[in-house]
Amino acid sequence: MSKQRSLLQSFGAVMVLDEECRHIQAVSNNLTQLLGMAEPAHQPLTLGSVLGKRLSRRLSKELQGQQRLAGPLAFSRGAIRFQLHAYRTESSVIVEIEPLNPLGKRRLLGTVNERLMRLAEATQQEELLDYLVTAVQQLTGHDRVSVCHFDTDWHGLIVAEARGGHLPALLGQRFPASDFPLTLRRAYESHPVRLIEDTDAPSEPLVPKGTGANLRHCFLRAPAPARQRYLRRLGVRGAP
């Protein structure tokens, strides 16, 4: 695996476990800081010290005979709520941890349901796309949300946009297929949902190095340098 694919975004953290979910083989360098834990002095981290014994047992039980967890598991450290996702890859289990949205599950689900009902009422494609970008912008707080249509040759056209008043418009702008190389297209095919929280944030390595963990399908994987440079040229700080 390339060096870049072993780097992770810092808004979450990653643990690499053995197949039985008994031992931690590697962690992202920011794990203890993200979870508000004290650095262990002379002893290695244990799954119980990170997640607690009950959640550790639940994680192991729910992954038995499964490729991935059926859904995220939530836990608290201090006043902060987190959620974790876990899946198997080769001879390891990858656990991804990120803080929960402070909006709260009930309020967020209610807001999403309301937006879905409004989307269902749209009768024209233009109306649907305009409402879609507005709804996503309101939910996420992003300065700009846009929809790009690709033709059969992978040339792009921005067909809908919601933006803050201080940003230049991209609606109607065309992008050549060269802006979307084959590797990026394949990445979107295998990972239709990706989040780049901050293109300027430093990436976090796995420690110790050289574990050989496969992070190819990791949601928190840092974007490739070419992708970061492209987004910066567009003036984009973060992107889904």
Protein backbone atom coordinates (compact mmCIF):
# COMPACT_ATOMS: atom_id res chain seq x y z
CA MET A 1 0.00 0.00 0.00
CA SER A 2 1.25 3.49 -0.83
CA LYS A 3 2.33 5.82 1.93
CA GLN A 4 -0.58 8.15 1.19
CA ARG A 5 -3.13 5.37 1.60
CA SER A 6 -1.76 4.73 5.09
CA LEU A 7 -2.54 8.32 6.12
CA LEU A 8 -5.84 9.24 7.75
CA GLN A 9 -7.95 12.33 8.24
CA SER A 10 -7.71 13.76 11.73
CA PHE A 11 -11.44 14.33 12.45
CA GLY A 12 -11.69 10.63 13.35
CA ALA A 13 -9.40 7.84 14.50
CA VAL A 14 -8.67 4.25 13.49
CA MET A 15 -7.72 1.04 15.27
CA VAL A 16 -6.39 -2.09 13.56
CA LEU A 17 -7.29 -5.27 15.46
CA ASP A 18 -6.47 -8.93 15.01
CA GLU A 19 -9.12 -11.22 13.48
CA GLU A 20 -10.52 -12.18 16.90
CA CYS A 21 -10.81 -8.56 18.07
CA ARG A 22 -8.59 -9.31 21.06
CA HIS A 23 -5.48 -7.25 20.41
CA ILE A 24 -4.75 -3.81 18.98
CA GLN A 25 -2.13 -4.06 16.25
CA ALA A 26 -1.97 -0.37 15.31
CA VAL A 27 -3.81 2.91 15.89
CA SER A 28 -3.91 6.27 14.21
CA ASN A 29 -1.53 8.67 15.88
CA ASN A 30 -4.40 10.87 17.14
CA LEU A 31 -6.49 8.15 18.84
CA THR A 32 -5.79 9.01 22.48
CA GLN A 33 -6.09 12.75 21.86
CA LEU A 34 -9.43 12.39 20.04
CA LEU A 35 -10.85 10.24 22.84
CA GLY A 36 -9.39 12.37 25.64
CA MET A 37 -7.28 9.50 26.97
CA ALA A 38 -3.98 9.69 28.78
CA GLU A 39 -1.08 8.22 26.86
CA PRO A 40 -0.16 4.82 28.36
CA ALA A 41 3.28 5.05 29.92
CA HIS A 42 4.82 1.61 29.53
CA GLN A 43 1.92 -0.63 28.58
CA PRO A 44 0.30 -1.13 25.16
CA LEU A 45 -3.25 0.05 24.58
CA THR A 46 -5.94 -2.56 25.08
CA LEU A 47 -9.36 -2.67 23.46
CA GLY A 48 -10.95 -2.61 26.90
CA SER A 49 -9.12 0.58 27.87
CA VAL A 50 -10.31 2.31 24.70
CA LEU A 51 -13.90 1.04 24.38
CA GLY A 52 -14.62 -0.49 27.76
CA LYS A 53 -15.08 -4.21 28.38
CA ARG A 54 -18.80 -4.33 27.55
CA LEU A 55 -18.48 -2.61 24.17
CA SER A 56 -15.36 -4.63 23.34
CA ARG A 57 -17.27 -7.87 23.89
CA ARG A 58 -20.21 -6.59 21.87
CA LEU A 59 -17.94 -5.63 18.97
CA SER A 60 -16.36 -9.08 18.92
CA LYS A 61 -19.75 -10.83 19.16
CA GLU A 62 -21.45 -8.81 16.40
CA LEU A 63 -18.52 -9.34 14.00
CA GLN A 64 -18.49 -13.12 14.44
CA GLY A 65 -19.06 -14.64 11.01
CA GLN A 66 -19.73 -11.19 9.53
CA GLN A 67 -17.70 -9.05 7.14
CA ARG A 68 -18.78 -5.82 8.81
CA LEU A 69 -21.00 -4.49 11.57
CA ALA A 70 -24.67 -4.22 10.63
CA GLY A 71 -24.66 -0.63 11.90
CA PRO A 72 -22.57 1.80 13.96
CA LEU A 73 -22.07 1.33 17.70
CA ALA A 74 -22.17 4.38 19.96
CA PHE A 75 -20.21 5.03 23.14
CA SER A 76 -19.22 7.93 25.38
CA ARG A 77 -15.97 9.22 26.77
CA GLY A 78 -16.61 12.00 29.22
CA ALA A 79 -19.23 14.34 27.80
CA ILE A 80 -18.52 13.42 24.17
CA ARG A 81 -20.41 10.78 22.21
CA PHE A 82 -18.67 8.75 19.53
CA GLN A 83 -19.69 6.14 17.02
CA LEU A 84 -17.64 3.34 15.54
CA HIS A 85 -17.83 1.31 12.36
CA ALA A 86 -15.90 -1.94 11.93
CA TYR A 87 -15.19 -4.30 9.06
CA ARG A 88 -12.83 -7.12 8.15
CA THR A 89 -10.05 -6.81 5.62
CA GLU A 90 -7.66 -9.67 4.92
CA SER A 91 -6.33 -10.75 8.34
CA SER A 92 -7.35 -7.66 10.32
CA VAL A 93 -10.39 -5.81 11.63
CA ILE A 94 -10.51 -2.07 10.94
CA VAL A 95 -12.37 0.06 13.50
CA GLU A 96 -13.15 3.66 12.54
CA ILE A 97 -14.18 6.11 15.28
CA GLU A 98 -15.63 9.60 14.90
CA PRO A 99 -17.50 12.07 17.13
CA LEU A 100 -21.28 12.00 16.83
CA ASN A 101 -23.07 14.96 15.30
CA PRO A 102 -24.03 17.27 18.20
CA LEU A 103 -27.38 17.85 16.48
CA GLY A 104 -28.59 14.67 18.14
CA LYS A 105 -30.03 11.54 16.58
CA ARG A 106 -33.72 12.33 17.08
CA ARG A 107 -33.51 15.87 15.79
CA LEU A 108 -31.32 14.85 12.85
CA LEU A 109 -33.65 12.02 11.80
CA GLY A 110 -36.65 14.33 12.00
CA THR A 111 -34.91 16.94 9.86
CA VAL A 112 -33.86 14.34 7.28
CA ASN A 113 -37.39 12.91 7.09
CA GLU A 114 -38.81 16.39 6.54
CA ARG A 115 -36.34 17.04 3.72
CA LEU A 116 -37.14 13.68 2.10
CA MET A 117 -40.84 14.50 2.10
CA ARG A 118 -40.15 17.82 0.38
CA LEU A 119 -37.96 16.09 -2.21
CA ALA A 120 -40.76 13.62 -2.96
CA GLU A 121 -43.07 16.56 -3.75
CA ALA A 122 -40.80 17.93 -6.50
CA THR A 123 -42.27 17.48 -9.98
CA GLN A 124 -39.40 18.77 -12.14
CA GLN A 125 -35.75 17.69 -12.15
CA GLU A 126 -34.51 21.27 -11.79
CA GLU A 127 -36.79 21.83 -8.79
CA LEU A 128 -35.64 18.56 -7.19
CA LEU A 129 -31.94 19.34 -7.64
CA ASP A 130 -32.30 22.90 -6.35
CA TYR A 131 -34.06 21.70 -3.23
CA LEU A 132 -31.55 18.86 -2.79
CA VAL A 133 -28.49 21.12 -2.69
CA THR A 134 -30.27 23.59 -0.38
CA ALA A 135 -31.30 20.81 2.02
CA VAL A 136 -27.82 19.29 2.12
CA GLN A 137 -26.27 22.71 2.71
CA GLN A 138 -28.63 23.36 5.63
CA LEU A 139 -27.93 19.93 7.15
CA THR A 140 -24.15 20.04 6.80
CA GLY A 141 -23.36 23.74 7.10
CA HIS A 142 -21.09 23.62 4.05
CA ASP A 143 -20.49 26.94 2.28
CA ARG A 144 -21.18 25.33 -1.09
CA VAL A 145 -23.08 22.21 -2.17
CA SER A 146 -23.29 21.37 -5.86
CA VAL A 147 -24.41 18.58 -8.18
CA CYS A 148 -22.18 17.69 -11.11
CA HIS A 149 -23.52 15.79 -14.12
CA PHE A 150 -21.07 13.64 -16.10
CA ASP A 151 -21.56 12.70 -19.73
CA THR A 152 -20.43 9.40 -21.25
CA ASP A 153 -16.89 10.78 -21.75
CA TRP A 154 -16.68 12.00 -18.12
CA HIS A 155 -16.84 15.71 -18.91
CA GLY A 156 -18.60 17.43 -16.00
CA LEU A 157 -21.26 20.15 -15.79
CA ILE A 158 -22.47 21.81 -12.56
CA VAL A 159 -26.28 21.58 -12.81
CA ALA A 160 -27.33 22.73 -9.32
CA GLU A 161 -25.71 24.75 -6.58
CA ALA A 162 -26.36 26.27 -3.15
CA ARG A 163 -23.66 28.65 -1.93
CA GLY A 164 -22.83 31.39 0.49
CA GLY A 165 -23.01 34.91 -0.93
CA HIS A 166 -19.25 35.42 -0.60
CA LEU A 167 -18.43 32.57 -3.00
CA PRO A 168 -18.24 32.84 -6.80
CA ALA A 169 -20.87 30.86 -8.70
CA LEU A 170 -19.96 27.54 -10.31
CA LEU A 171 -23.44 26.82 -11.71
CA GLY A 172 -23.17 26.04 -15.42
CA GLN A 173 -19.39 25.65 -15.29
CA ARG A 174 -17.90 22.76 -17.25
CA PHE A 175 -14.99 20.57 -16.22
CA PRO A 176 -12.90 18.45 -18.61
CA ALA A 177 -12.63 14.71 -18.10
CA SER A 178 -8.94 15.20 -17.27
CA ASP A 179 -10.06 16.73 -13.94
CA PHE A 180 -11.52 13.33 -13.02
CA PRO A 181 -8.79 10.73 -13.70
CA LEU A 182 -9.57 7.03 -13.87
CA THR A 183 -8.30 6.35 -10.35
CA LEU A 184 -10.70 8.98 -8.94
CA ARG A 185 -13.65 7.58 -10.91
CA ARG A 186 -12.95 4.08 -9.61
CA ALA A 187 -12.66 5.43 -6.07
CA TYR A 188 -16.14 6.96 -6.34
CA GLU A 189 -17.54 3.71 -7.74
CA SER A 190 -16.28 1.71 -4.74
CA HIS A 191 -16.88 4.54 -2.21
CA PRO A 192 -19.91 6.56 -3.35
CA VAL A 193 -19.90 8.38 0.01
CA ARG A 194 -16.64 10.05 1.00
CA LEU A 195 -15.93 13.03 3.21
CA ILE A 196 -12.92 15.32 3.12
CA GLU A 197 -13.45 17.50 6.17
CA ASP A 198 -10.50 19.85 5.71
CA THR A 199 -8.05 19.82 2.81
CA ASP A 200 -5.56 21.79 4.92
CA ALA A 201 -5.70 19.57 8.01
CA PRO A 202 -2.59 17.46 8.67
CA SER A 203 -2.96 13.73 8.04
CA GLU A 204 -2.41 11.14 10.76
CA PRO A 205 -0.23 8.04 10.30
CA LEU A 206 -0.79 4.60 11.77
CA VAL A 207 1.53 3.66 14.62
CA PRO A 208 3.50 1.53 14.80
CA LYS A 209 4.45 1.71 11.15
CA GLY A 210 4.80 -1.29 8.89
CA THR A 211 1.76 -3.27 10.06
CA GLY A 212 0.61 -3.76 6.46
CA ALA A 213 -3.00 -2.91 7.34
CA ASN A 214 -5.20 -2.53 4.26
CA LEU A 215 -6.97 0.84 4.54
CA ARG A 216 -8.23 0.84 0.97
CA HIS A 217 -11.89 0.88 2.06
CA CYS A 218 -11.37 3.18 5.04
CA PHE A 219 -13.84 6.09 5.18
CA LEU A 220 -11.28 8.18 7.09
CA ARG A 221 -8.48 7.60 4.57
CA ALA A 222 -6.73 10.84 3.65
CA PRO A 223 -7.32 12.09 0.09
CA ALA A 224 -4.57 11.71 -2.47
CA PRO A 225 -2.30 14.78 -2.88
CA ALA A 226 -3.58 15.34 -6.44
CA ARG A 227 -7.17 15.44 -5.13
CA GLN A 228 -6.19 17.93 -2.42
CA ARG A 229 -4.44 20.20 -4.93
CA TYR A 230 -7.45 20.10 -7.27
CA LEU A 231 -9.88 21.06 -4.49
CA ARG A 232 -7.62 23.88 -3.35
CA ARG A 233 -7.51 25.27 -6.90
CA LEU A 234 -11.31 25.42 -6.77
CA GLY A 235 -11.16 27.18 -3.40
CA VAL A 236 -12.77 24.17 -1.69
CA ARG A 237 -11.78 23.57 1.94
CA GLY A 238 -13.85 20.41 2.49
CA ALA A 239 -15.84 18.09 0.26
CA PRO A 240 -18.12 15.03 0.45
